[in-house]
Amino acid sequence: MLNIDWKGRAINRRFENKKLNKRIKELIISRDSWKEKAIERKAGIIHLKRQVKLIKKNIQKIIEV
């Protein structure tokens, strides 16, 4: 009969699972913060585009006068 160290393997597996779960949490946080950053960046770009459009409109009015 084979002499397998089940207790040692179980302990190693438990530590490995803890590390994997920690890494999964890190990736989820990273992914979520990436989404939030992208949304904020998009909102900022939309705001800047509106400002540019308004500035162009004002410049056009000044040129016409």
Protein backbone atom coordinates (compact mmCIF):
# COMPACT_ATOMS: atom_id res chain seq x y z
CA MET A 1 0.00 0.00 0.00
CA LEU A 2 1.20 3.50 -0.81
CA ASN A 3 2.08 5.81 2.01
CA ILE A 4 0.58 9.14 0.94
CA ASP A 5 0.90 12.17 3.20
CA TRP A 6 -2.72 13.34 3.00
CA LYS A 7 -2.42 15.77 5.87
CA GLY A 8 0.59 17.54 4.34
CA ARG A 9 -1.06 17.68 0.92
CA ALA A 10 -4.27 19.07 2.45
CA ILE A 11 -2.33 21.78 4.29
CA ASN A 12 -0.46 22.74 1.12
CA ARG A 13 -3.70 22.79 -0.86
CA ARG A 14 -5.32 25.01 1.79
CA PHE A 15 -2.47 27.54 1.55
CA GLU A 16 -2.62 27.44 -2.23
CA ASN A 17 -6.38 28.05 -2.17
CA LYS A 18 -5.92 30.99 0.21
CA LYS A 19 -3.36 32.52 -2.15
CA LEU A 20 -5.63 31.98 -5.15
CA ASN A 21 -8.63 33.51 -3.38
CA LYS A 22 -6.54 36.52 -2.37
CA ARG A 23 -5.39 36.94 -5.99
CA ILE A 24 -8.98 36.66 -7.23
CA LYS A 25 -10.04 39.43 -4.84
CA GLU A 26 -7.16 41.62 -6.05
CA LEU A 27 -8.15 41.07 -9.67
CA ILE A 28 -11.80 41.86 -8.97
CA ILE A 29 -10.86 45.10 -7.21
CA SER A 30 -8.48 46.00 -10.01
CA ARG A 31 -11.10 45.28 -12.66
CA ASP A 32 -13.77 47.27 -10.85
CA SER A 33 -11.51 50.26 -10.33
CA TRP A 34 -10.53 50.09 -14.01
CA LYS A 35 -14.21 50.32 -14.97
CA GLU A 36 -14.73 53.30 -12.67
CA LYS A 37 -11.64 55.05 -14.04
CA ALA A 38 -12.79 54.48 -17.62
CA ILE A 39 -16.24 55.85 -16.85
CA GLU A 40 -14.75 58.92 -15.16
CA ARG A 41 -12.38 59.46 -18.08
CA LYS A 42 -15.26 59.20 -20.55
CA ALA A 43 -17.33 61.69 -18.54
CA GLY A 44 -14.36 64.07 -18.49
CA ILE A 45 -13.91 63.76 -22.25
CA ILE A 46 -17.60 64.50 -22.84
CA HIS A 47 -17.34 67.56 -20.59
CA LEU A 48 -14.25 68.81 -22.45
CA LYS A 49 -15.95 68.28 -25.83
CA ARG A 50 -18.90 70.38 -24.67
CA GLN A 51 -16.53 73.13 -23.54
CA VAL A 52 -14.71 73.08 -26.88
CA LYS A 53 -18.01 73.27 -28.72
CA LEU A 54 -19.08 76.26 -26.60
CA ILE A 55 -15.74 78.00 -27.15
CA LYS A 56 -15.98 77.46 -30.90
CA LYS A 57 -19.50 78.89 -30.85
CA ASN A 58 -18.32 81.97 -28.93
CA ILE A 59 -15.37 82.47 -31.28
CA GLN A 60 -17.73 82.26 -34.24
CA LYS A 61 -19.95 84.95 -32.66
CA ILE A 62 -16.93 87.20 -32.10
CA ILE A 63 -15.81 86.75 -35.72
CA GLU A 64 -19.29 87.63 -37.02
CA VAL A 65 -19.44 90.85 -35.00
